[in-house]
Amino acid sequence: MAAHIKEKTGRRRLARVGWTLFAAVLLGVGFMIWFGAWRYPGYGLSGISKTDYARAMTVAARGMAISEGLTFEDFDFMKFREVERGSEAYAWGAARCRAVGGGTEYLWVYLDWSEKRGQWLRNYSLVLAGPEDEIYYTRLRPGQRDRAAMALKRIWRMNRLHLWEVYGEGGALTP
């Protein structure tokens, strides 16, 4: 009888641990979805008008440069487009940055105007021709598993950099 009770208690404890881990993972995934869909896209861009797209682009490029360990210099190319009908507007460009070793790297920054939030939002940004892109230019092409692993690593790295930009030392960024 006592062994049966101990076995039942052990199962309950194991189930509790399993549900606790499941809840923690669920909360973590929920946070990353909220952060990636709501918090990060507008970070530092509130209060910048639709017509002041150059300032919004600079804020987004500086934040990304800091999180990538680069120093933002200027934009080599910047374009703004406002659609004729509706409230949509877009801004995109290539930001020239200085790497720690002194080399030049470029960031692609793409913002869109959100009428709902009344502010610019980061649509996507990335380092142009970063070192990890070389795998696409080699004679040996990666297999499906390698591609999936590479994609997951990139997504994980991107999320870490965005979190650091907002909550880390880069979070002290002021527009």
N, C-alpha and C. Protein backbone atom coordinates (compact mmCIF):
# COMPACT_ATOMS: atom_id res chain seq x y z
N MET A 1 0.82 -1.19 0.00
CA MET A 1 0.00 0.00 0.00
C MET A 1 0.87 1.26 0.00
N ALA A 2 1.89 1.30 0.82
CA ALA A 2 2.77 2.47 0.90
C ALA A 2 3.52 2.66 -0.40
N ALA A 3 3.92 1.57 -1.05
CA ALA A 3 4.63 1.67 -2.33
C ALA A 3 3.71 2.25 -3.39
N HIS A 4 2.43 1.88 -3.34
CA HIS A 4 1.46 2.39 -4.30
C HIS A 4 1.28 3.91 -4.13
N ILE A 5 1.21 4.35 -2.87
CA ILE A 5 1.06 5.78 -2.57
C ILE A 5 2.31 6.54 -3.02
N LYS A 6 3.50 5.99 -2.76
CA LYS A 6 4.74 6.64 -3.18
C LYS A 6 4.81 6.75 -4.70
N GLU A 7 4.37 5.68 -5.38
CA GLU A 7 4.39 5.69 -6.85
C GLU A 7 3.44 6.76 -7.39
N LYS A 8 2.25 6.87 -6.80
CA LYS A 8 1.27 7.88 -7.21
C LYS A 8 1.80 9.29 -6.95
N THR A 9 2.43 9.49 -5.80
CA THR A 9 3.00 10.78 -5.45
C THR A 9 4.13 11.14 -6.41
N GLY A 10 4.95 10.16 -6.77
CA GLY A 10 6.04 10.39 -7.71
C GLY A 10 5.53 10.80 -9.08
N ARG A 11 4.45 10.15 -9.52
CA ARG A 11 3.85 10.50 -10.82
C ARG A 11 3.27 11.90 -10.79
N ARG A 12 2.62 12.24 -9.69
CA ARG A 12 2.05 13.59 -9.56
C ARG A 12 3.15 14.64 -9.58
N ARG A 13 4.21 14.36 -8.87
CA ARG A 13 5.33 15.30 -8.84
C ARG A 13 5.94 15.47 -10.24
N LEU A 14 6.11 14.36 -10.94
CA LEU A 14 6.64 14.39 -12.30
C LEU A 14 5.70 15.15 -13.24
N ALA A 15 4.39 14.93 -13.08
CA ALA A 15 3.41 15.65 -13.89
C ALA A 15 3.46 17.14 -13.61
N ARG A 16 3.60 17.50 -12.33
CA ARG A 16 3.70 18.91 -11.94
C ARG A 16 4.94 19.57 -12.56
N VAL A 17 6.05 18.87 -12.52
CA VAL A 17 7.29 19.38 -13.12
C VAL A 17 7.10 19.54 -14.63
N GLY A 18 6.48 18.55 -15.26
CA GLY A 18 6.22 18.61 -16.70
C GLY A 18 5.33 19.79 -17.07
N TRP A 19 4.25 19.99 -16.32
CA TRP A 19 3.35 21.11 -16.59
C TRP A 19 4.03 22.45 -16.32
N THR A 20 4.87 22.50 -15.31
CA THR A 20 5.60 23.73 -15.01
C THR A 20 6.56 24.07 -16.15
N LEU A 21 7.28 23.08 -16.64
CA LEU A 21 8.19 23.30 -17.78
C LEU A 21 7.41 23.71 -19.02
N PHE A 22 6.28 23.06 -19.26
CA PHE A 22 5.44 23.40 -20.40
C PHE A 22 4.96 24.85 -20.30
N ALA A 23 4.52 25.26 -19.12
CA ALA A 23 4.05 26.63 -18.92
C ALA A 23 5.19 27.63 -19.12
N ALA A 24 6.38 27.30 -18.64
CA ALA A 24 7.53 28.20 -18.81
C ALA A 24 7.88 28.35 -20.29
N VAL A 25 7.88 27.25 -21.01
CA VAL A 25 8.16 27.31 -22.46
C VAL A 25 7.08 28.11 -23.17
N LEU A 26 5.84 27.87 -22.82
CA LEU A 26 4.72 28.60 -23.42
C LEU A 26 4.82 30.10 -23.15
N LEU A 27 5.16 30.46 -21.93
CA LEU A 27 5.35 31.89 -21.60
C LEU A 27 6.52 32.48 -22.39
N GLY A 28 7.61 31.74 -22.51
CA GLY A 28 8.75 32.22 -23.29
C GLY A 28 8.41 32.43 -24.75
N VAL A 29 7.70 31.47 -25.33
CA VAL A 29 7.29 31.60 -26.73
C VAL A 29 6.32 32.77 -26.88
N GLY A 30 5.38 32.90 -25.96
CA GLY A 30 4.43 34.02 -25.98
C GLY A 30 5.14 35.36 -25.89
N PHE A 31 6.14 35.43 -25.01
CA PHE A 31 6.91 36.68 -24.89
C PHE A 31 7.63 37.00 -26.19
N MET A 32 8.25 36.01 -26.81
CA MET A 32 8.98 36.26 -28.05
C MET A 32 8.03 36.69 -29.18
N ILE A 33 6.85 36.12 -29.23
CA ILE A 33 5.87 36.53 -30.23
C ILE A 33 5.43 37.97 -29.98
N TRP A 34 5.11 38.30 -28.73
CA TRP A 34 4.71 39.67 -28.39
C TRP A 34 5.85 40.64 -28.69
N PHE A 35 7.05 40.28 -28.28
CA PHE A 35 8.19 41.15 -28.49
C PHE A 35 8.45 41.38 -29.98
N GLY A 36 8.44 40.30 -30.75
CA GLY A 36 8.73 40.42 -32.18
C GLY A 36 7.63 41.08 -32.98
N ALA A 37 6.39 40.95 -32.53
CA ALA A 37 5.27 41.51 -33.28
C ALA A 37 4.86 42.90 -32.82
N TRP A 38 5.10 43.22 -31.54
CA TRP A 38 4.60 44.50 -31.03
C TRP A 38 5.68 45.40 -30.46
N ARG A 39 6.49 44.89 -29.57
CA ARG A 39 7.44 45.75 -28.85
C ARG A 39 8.60 46.21 -29.73
N TYR A 40 9.32 45.28 -30.35
CA TYR A 40 10.51 45.65 -31.10
C TYR A 40 10.25 46.49 -32.35
N PRO A 41 9.24 46.18 -33.16
CA PRO A 41 9.08 46.96 -34.40
C PRO A 41 8.96 48.46 -34.19
N GLY A 42 8.34 48.90 -33.10
CA GLY A 42 8.16 50.33 -32.87
C GLY A 42 9.12 50.94 -31.88
N TYR A 43 10.05 50.14 -31.36
CA TYR A 43 10.96 50.62 -30.31
C TYR A 43 11.76 51.84 -30.77
N GLY A 44 11.64 52.92 -30.01
CA GLY A 44 12.40 54.14 -30.28
C GLY A 44 11.87 54.99 -31.42
N LEU A 45 10.79 54.54 -32.06
CA LEU A 45 10.28 55.25 -33.23
C LEU A 45 9.00 56.04 -32.96
N SER A 46 8.46 55.95 -31.75
CA SER A 46 7.23 56.70 -31.45
C SER A 46 7.54 58.19 -31.40
N GLY A 47 6.59 58.97 -31.85
CA GLY A 47 6.76 60.42 -31.84
C GLY A 47 7.46 60.97 -33.08
N ILE A 48 7.88 60.10 -33.98
CA ILE A 48 8.53 60.55 -35.22
C ILE A 48 7.45 60.57 -36.30
N SER A 49 7.27 61.73 -36.92
CA SER A 49 6.20 61.87 -37.89
C SER A 49 6.48 61.10 -39.17
N LYS A 50 5.44 60.92 -39.95
CA LYS A 50 5.54 60.19 -41.20
C LYS A 50 6.52 60.88 -42.15
N THR A 51 6.54 62.19 -42.15
CA THR A 51 7.41 62.92 -43.07
C THR A 51 8.87 62.96 -42.60
N ASP A 52 9.10 62.67 -41.34
CA ASP A 52 10.48 62.66 -40.81
C ASP A 52 11.07 61.25 -40.89
N TYR A 53 10.90 60.62 -42.04
CA TYR A 53 11.35 59.24 -42.23
C TYR A 53 12.86 59.10 -42.08
N ALA A 54 13.63 60.14 -42.45
CA ALA A 54 15.09 60.05 -42.34
C ALA A 54 15.52 59.87 -40.89
N ARG A 55 14.85 60.56 -39.99
CA ARG A 55 15.17 60.41 -38.56
C ARG A 55 14.79 59.01 -38.07
N ALA A 56 13.63 58.51 -38.50
CA ALA A 56 13.21 57.16 -38.11
C ALA A 56 14.19 56.13 -38.63
N MET A 57 14.64 56.29 -39.86
CA MET A 57 15.62 55.37 -40.44
C MET A 57 16.93 55.40 -39.65
N THR A 58 17.35 56.59 -39.27
CA THR A 58 18.60 56.72 -38.51
C THR A 58 18.49 56.06 -37.15
N VAL A 59 17.36 56.25 -36.47
CA VAL A 59 17.15 55.61 -35.16
C VAL A 59 17.20 54.09 -35.31
N ALA A 60 16.51 53.56 -36.31
CA ALA A 60 16.50 52.10 -36.52
C ALA A 60 17.89 51.59 -36.88
N ALA A 61 18.61 52.31 -37.73
CA ALA A 61 19.95 51.87 -38.13
C ALA A 61 20.93 51.94 -36.98
N ARG A 62 20.87 53.01 -36.18
CA ARG A 62 21.77 53.12 -35.01
C ARG A 62 21.55 51.97 -34.03
N GLY A 63 20.29 51.68 -33.73
CA GLY A 63 19.98 50.60 -32.80
C GLY A 63 20.48 49.26 -33.31
N MET A 64 20.25 49.00 -34.58
CA MET A 64 20.70 47.73 -35.14
C MET A 64 22.22 47.67 -35.18
N ALA A 65 22.86 48.77 -35.54
CA ALA A 65 24.32 48.80 -35.60
C ALA A 65 24.91 48.50 -34.22
N ILE A 66 24.35 49.10 -33.19
CA ILE A 66 24.84 48.86 -31.83
C ILE A 66 24.71 47.39 -31.47
N SER A 67 23.55 46.79 -31.78
CA SER A 67 23.35 45.38 -31.43
C SER A 67 24.25 44.45 -32.24
N GLU A 68 24.67 44.87 -33.42
CA GLU A 68 25.57 44.06 -34.26
C GLU A 68 27.04 44.35 -33.96
N GLY A 69 27.33 45.29 -33.04
CA GLY A 69 28.71 45.63 -32.71
C GLY A 69 29.36 46.52 -33.76
N LEU A 70 28.54 47.30 -34.46
CA LEU A 70 29.03 48.19 -35.51
C LEU A 70 28.82 49.64 -35.09
N THR A 71 29.45 50.55 -35.81
CA THR A 71 29.25 51.98 -35.59
C THR A 71 28.57 52.55 -36.83
N PHE A 72 27.39 53.10 -36.65
CA PHE A 72 26.65 53.68 -37.75
C PHE A 72 27.36 54.94 -38.25
N GLU A 73 27.51 55.05 -39.57
CA GLU A 73 28.12 56.24 -40.15
C GLU A 73 27.09 57.10 -40.87
N ASP A 74 26.44 56.55 -41.89
CA ASP A 74 25.46 57.30 -42.66
C ASP A 74 24.76 56.35 -43.62
N PHE A 75 23.76 56.86 -44.30
CA PHE A 75 23.08 56.08 -45.32
C PHE A 75 23.71 56.37 -46.68
N ASP A 76 24.04 55.31 -47.40
CA ASP A 76 24.51 55.48 -48.78
C ASP A 76 23.31 55.58 -49.72
N PHE A 77 22.20 55.03 -49.31
CA PHE A 77 21.00 55.02 -50.12
C PHE A 77 19.80 55.02 -49.20
N MET A 78 18.84 55.92 -49.45
CA MET A 78 17.61 55.94 -48.67
C MET A 78 16.47 56.35 -49.60
N LYS A 79 15.36 55.67 -49.49
CA LYS A 79 14.22 55.95 -50.36
C LYS A 79 12.96 56.00 -49.50
N PHE A 80 12.06 56.90 -49.87
CA PHE A 80 10.78 57.05 -49.18
C PHE A 80 9.67 56.99 -50.23
N ARG A 81 8.61 56.27 -49.91
CA ARG A 81 7.48 56.21 -50.82
C ARG A 81 6.19 56.25 -50.01
N GLU A 82 5.33 57.16 -50.37
CA GLU A 82 4.00 57.25 -49.77
C GLU A 82 3.00 56.93 -50.87
N VAL A 83 2.11 56.00 -50.60
CA VAL A 83 1.15 55.61 -51.63
C VAL A 83 0.11 56.71 -51.82
N GLU A 84 -0.45 56.80 -53.03
CA GLU A 84 -1.39 57.86 -53.35
C GLU A 84 -2.71 57.71 -52.60
N ARG A 85 -3.21 56.48 -52.52
CA ARG A 85 -4.46 56.23 -51.81
C ARG A 85 -4.16 55.49 -50.53
N GLY A 86 -4.80 55.88 -49.48
CA GLY A 86 -4.55 55.23 -48.20
C GLY A 86 -3.50 55.99 -47.41
N SER A 87 -3.09 55.39 -46.33
CA SER A 87 -2.15 56.07 -45.43
C SER A 87 -0.79 55.40 -45.39
N GLU A 88 -0.54 54.46 -46.28
CA GLU A 88 0.69 53.71 -46.22
C GLU A 88 1.88 54.53 -46.69
N ALA A 89 3.00 54.29 -46.03
CA ALA A 89 4.27 54.90 -46.42
C ALA A 89 5.38 53.91 -46.08
N TYR A 90 6.43 53.96 -46.87
CA TYR A 90 7.55 53.04 -46.69
C TYR A 90 8.85 53.80 -46.80
N ALA A 91 9.84 53.36 -46.07
CA ALA A 91 11.18 53.92 -46.17
C ALA A 91 12.16 52.76 -46.10
N TRP A 92 13.18 52.79 -46.96
CA TRP A 92 14.17 51.73 -46.97
C TRP A 92 15.51 52.29 -47.41
N GLY A 93 16.56 51.60 -47.03
CA GLY A 93 17.88 52.06 -47.43
C GLY A 93 19.00 51.19 -46.90
N ALA A 94 20.21 51.53 -47.38
CA ALA A 94 21.43 50.83 -46.99
C ALA A 94 22.25 51.75 -46.10
N ALA A 95 22.46 51.33 -44.86
CA ALA A 95 23.22 52.13 -43.90
C ALA A 95 24.67 51.63 -43.87
N ARG A 96 25.61 52.55 -44.06
CA ARG A 96 27.03 52.22 -44.01
C ARG A 96 27.48 52.27 -42.56
N CYS A 97 28.16 51.22 -42.14
CA CYS A 97 28.63 51.12 -40.76
C CYS A 97 30.10 50.71 -40.75
N ARG A 98 30.76 51.04 -39.68
CA ARG A 98 32.16 50.68 -39.50
C ARG A 98 32.23 49.52 -38.52
N ALA A 99 32.92 48.46 -38.94
CA ALA A 99 33.12 47.29 -38.09
C ALA A 99 34.26 47.55 -37.12
N VAL A 100 34.37 46.74 -36.09
CA VAL A 100 35.42 46.89 -35.09
C VAL A 100 36.81 46.84 -35.73
N GLY A 101 36.97 45.97 -36.71
CA GLY A 101 38.26 45.82 -37.38
C GLY A 101 38.56 46.93 -38.38
N GLY A 102 37.63 47.87 -38.55
CA GLY A 102 37.85 48.98 -39.47
C GLY A 102 37.21 48.81 -40.82
N GLY A 103 36.68 47.63 -41.11
CA GLY A 103 36.04 47.38 -42.40
C GLY A 103 34.66 48.02 -42.46
N THR A 104 34.12 48.09 -43.66
CA THR A 104 32.79 48.65 -43.87
C THR A 104 31.78 47.53 -44.03
N GLU A 105 30.66 47.66 -43.33
CA GLU A 105 29.55 46.72 -43.47
C GLU A 105 28.30 47.54 -43.72
N TYR A 106 27.34 46.93 -44.38
CA TYR A 106 26.09 47.61 -44.70
C TYR A 106 24.91 46.91 -44.05
N LEU A 107 23.99 47.72 -43.55
CA LEU A 107 22.74 47.22 -42.98
C LEU A 107 21.61 47.62 -43.91
N TRP A 108 20.70 46.71 -44.16
CA TRP A 108 19.51 47.03 -44.92
C TRP A 108 18.40 47.31 -43.91
N VAL A 109 17.80 48.48 -43.98
CA VAL A 109 16.76 48.89 -43.04
C VAL A 109 15.49 49.17 -43.84
N TYR A 110 14.37 48.58 -43.41
CA TYR A 110 13.10 48.77 -44.11
C TYR A 110 12.02 49.05 -43.07
N LEU A 111 11.43 50.21 -43.15
CA LEU A 111 10.38 50.63 -42.22
C LEU A 111 9.07 50.83 -42.97
N ASP A 112 7.96 50.66 -42.26
CA ASP A 112 6.68 51.05 -42.85
C ASP A 112 5.88 51.82 -41.81
N TRP A 113 5.03 52.71 -42.31
CA TRP A 113 4.22 53.56 -41.45
C TRP A 113 2.97 52.80 -41.04
N SER A 114 2.69 52.77 -39.74
CA SER A 114 1.50 52.11 -39.22
C SER A 114 0.48 53.18 -38.84
N GLU A 115 -0.59 53.26 -39.60
CA GLU A 115 -1.65 54.22 -39.29
C GLU A 115 -2.32 53.84 -37.97
N LYS A 116 -2.43 52.54 -37.73
CA LYS A 116 -3.06 52.04 -36.50
C LYS A 116 -2.33 52.54 -35.26
N ARG A 117 -0.99 52.45 -35.29
CA ARG A 117 -0.19 52.89 -34.14
C ARG A 117 0.28 54.33 -34.28
N GLY A 118 0.15 54.90 -35.49
CA GLY A 118 0.57 56.28 -35.71
C GLY A 118 2.07 56.46 -35.59
N GLN A 119 2.82 55.49 -36.07
CA GLN A 119 4.27 55.58 -35.98
C GLN A 119 4.94 54.66 -37.00
N TRP A 120 6.24 54.86 -37.16
CA TRP A 120 7.04 53.99 -38.01
C TRP A 120 7.27 52.67 -37.29
N LEU A 121 7.34 51.59 -38.06
CA LEU A 121 7.64 50.27 -37.52
C LEU A 121 8.73 49.61 -38.35
N ARG A 122 9.61 48.88 -37.67
CA ARG A 122 10.63 48.11 -38.39
C ARG A 122 9.93 46.94 -39.08
N ASN A 123 10.03 46.88 -40.38
CA ASN A 123 9.47 45.76 -41.11
C ASN A 123 10.49 44.64 -41.09
N TYR A 124 11.70 44.91 -41.54
CA TYR A 124 12.82 44.00 -41.36
C TYR A 124 14.12 44.74 -41.59
N SER A 125 15.15 44.22 -40.99
CA SER A 125 16.49 44.78 -41.13
C SER A 125 17.46 43.62 -41.08
N LEU A 126 18.55 43.75 -41.82
CA LEU A 126 19.55 42.69 -41.81
C LEU A 126 20.90 43.23 -42.26
N VAL A 127 21.93 42.48 -41.92
CA VAL A 127 23.28 42.82 -42.36
C VAL A 127 23.41 42.31 -43.79
N LEU A 128 23.82 43.18 -44.70
CA LEU A 128 23.98 42.78 -46.09
C LEU A 128 25.30 42.04 -46.27
N ALA A 129 25.24 40.88 -46.88
CA ALA A 129 26.42 40.07 -47.18
C ALA A 129 27.28 39.82 -45.95
N GLY A 130 26.65 39.39 -44.86
CA GLY A 130 27.39 39.06 -43.66
C GLY A 130 28.21 37.80 -43.86
N PRO A 131 29.17 37.53 -42.98
CA PRO A 131 30.05 36.36 -43.13
C PRO A 131 29.30 35.04 -43.22
N GLU A 132 28.15 34.91 -42.53
CA GLU A 132 27.41 33.66 -42.58
C GLU A 132 26.71 33.44 -43.92
N ASP A 133 26.63 34.48 -44.75
CA ASP A 133 26.02 34.33 -46.07
C ASP A 133 26.91 33.59 -47.05
N GLU A 134 28.18 33.42 -46.74
CA GLU A 134 29.12 32.79 -47.66
C GLU A 134 28.73 31.35 -48.00
N ILE A 135 27.96 30.71 -47.14
CA ILE A 135 27.57 29.33 -47.41
C ILE A 135 26.77 29.23 -48.71
N TYR A 136 26.08 30.29 -49.07
CA TYR A 136 25.30 30.28 -50.30
C TYR A 136 26.18 30.39 -51.54
N TYR A 137 27.39 30.80 -51.37
CA TYR A 137 28.29 31.02 -52.51
C TYR A 137 29.38 29.97 -52.61
N THR A 138 29.27 28.90 -51.85
CA THR A 138 30.27 27.84 -51.92
C THR A 138 29.83 26.79 -52.93
N ARG A 139 30.76 26.00 -53.39
CA ARG A 139 30.42 24.94 -54.34
C ARG A 139 29.61 23.84 -53.68
N LEU A 140 29.86 23.60 -52.41
CA LEU A 140 29.12 22.56 -51.68
C LEU A 140 27.89 23.19 -51.05
N ARG A 141 26.75 22.81 -51.52
CA ARG A 141 25.51 23.38 -51.01
C ARG A 141 25.06 22.58 -49.79
N PRO A 142 24.51 23.27 -48.80
CA PRO A 142 24.07 22.54 -47.60
C PRO A 142 22.83 21.70 -47.88
N GLY A 143 22.68 20.62 -47.13
CA GLY A 143 21.50 19.77 -47.23
C GLY A 143 20.33 20.39 -46.48
N GLN A 144 19.18 19.72 -46.50
CA GLN A 144 17.98 20.24 -45.86
C GLN A 144 18.17 20.45 -44.36
N ARG A 145 18.78 19.48 -43.69
CA ARG A 145 18.99 19.63 -42.24
C ARG A 145 19.90 20.80 -41.94
N ASP A 146 20.96 20.94 -42.73
CA ASP A 146 21.88 22.06 -42.52
C ASP A 146 21.19 23.39 -42.76
N ARG A 147 20.34 23.45 -43.77
CA ARG A 147 19.59 24.68 -44.04
C ARG A 147 18.64 25.00 -42.90
N ALA A 148 17.94 24.00 -42.41
CA ALA A 148 17.01 24.21 -41.29
C ALA A 148 17.77 24.66 -40.05
N ALA A 149 18.89 24.01 -39.76
CA ALA A 149 19.70 24.40 -38.60
C ALA A 149 20.21 25.82 -38.76
N MET A 150 20.67 26.16 -39.96
CA MET A 150 21.17 27.51 -40.21
C MET A 150 20.05 28.54 -40.04
N ALA A 151 18.86 28.24 -40.54
CA ALA A 151 17.73 29.16 -40.41
C ALA A 151 17.36 29.36 -38.94
N LEU A 152 17.30 28.27 -38.17
CA LEU A 152 16.98 28.39 -36.75
C LEU A 152 18.04 29.17 -36.00
N LYS A 153 19.31 28.96 -36.33
CA LYS A 153 20.39 29.72 -35.68
C LYS A 153 20.28 31.20 -36.00
N ARG A 154 19.96 31.53 -37.25
CA ARG A 154 19.80 32.93 -37.63
C ARG A 154 18.63 33.58 -36.90
N ILE A 155 17.51 32.87 -36.83
CA ILE A 155 16.34 33.41 -36.13
C ILE A 155 16.66 33.62 -34.66
N TRP A 156 17.32 32.65 -34.04
CA TRP A 156 17.70 32.76 -32.63
C TRP A 156 18.65 33.94 -32.42
N ARG A 157 19.66 34.07 -33.28
CA ARG A 157 20.61 35.18 -33.17
C ARG A 157 19.92 36.51 -33.35
N MET A 158 19.03 36.61 -34.35
CA MET A 158 18.31 37.85 -34.60
C MET A 158 17.47 38.24 -33.38
N ASN A 159 16.77 37.28 -32.80
CA ASN A 159 15.97 37.57 -31.61
C ASN A 159 16.84 38.01 -30.44
N ARG A 160 17.98 37.36 -30.25
CA ARG A 160 18.89 37.77 -29.17
C ARG A 160 19.35 39.21 -29.38
N LEU A 161 19.73 39.56 -30.61
CA LEU A 161 20.19 40.92 -30.89
C LEU A 161 19.08 41.94 -30.69
N HIS A 162 17.86 41.62 -31.09
CA HIS A 162 16.75 42.54 -30.89
C HIS A 162 16.45 42.73 -29.42
N LEU A 163 16.48 41.64 -28.64
CA LEU A 163 16.28 41.77 -27.20
C LEU A 163 17.37 42.62 -26.58
N TRP A 164 18.62 42.43 -27.00
CA TRP A 164 19.72 43.20 -26.46
C TRP A 164 19.57 44.68 -26.83
N GLU A 165 19.12 44.92 -28.06
CA GLU A 165 18.94 46.31 -28.51
C GLU A 165 17.92 47.04 -27.64
N VAL A 166 16.86 46.36 -27.25
CA VAL A 166 15.80 47.00 -26.47
C VAL A 166 16.10 46.98 -24.97
N TYR A 167 16.55 45.85 -24.43
CA TYR A 167 16.69 45.69 -22.98
C TYR A 167 18.12 45.72 -22.47
N GLY A 168 19.09 45.57 -23.36
CA GLY A 168 20.49 45.57 -22.93
C GLY A 168 21.08 46.96 -22.95
N GLU A 169 22.39 47.02 -23.11
CA GLU A 169 23.07 48.31 -23.16
C GLU A 169 22.57 49.16 -24.32
N GLY A 170 22.16 48.52 -25.39
CA GLY A 170 21.61 49.23 -26.53
C GLY A 170 20.27 49.88 -26.19
N GLY A 171 19.61 49.43 -25.10
CA GLY A 171 18.34 49.99 -24.69
C GLY A 171 18.42 51.42 -24.22
N ALA A 172 19.63 51.90 -24.01
CA ALA A 172 19.82 53.29 -23.61
C ALA A 172 19.76 54.23 -24.81
N LEU A 173 19.54 53.66 -25.98
CA LEU A 173 19.47 54.42 -27.22
C LEU A 173 18.33 55.42 -27.15
N THR A 174 18.61 56.66 -27.47
CA THR A 174 17.55 57.67 -27.51
C THR A 174 17.45 58.21 -28.92
N PRO A 175 16.21 58.37 -29.39
CA PRO A 175 16.04 58.85 -30.77
C PRO A 175 16.54 60.26 -30.98
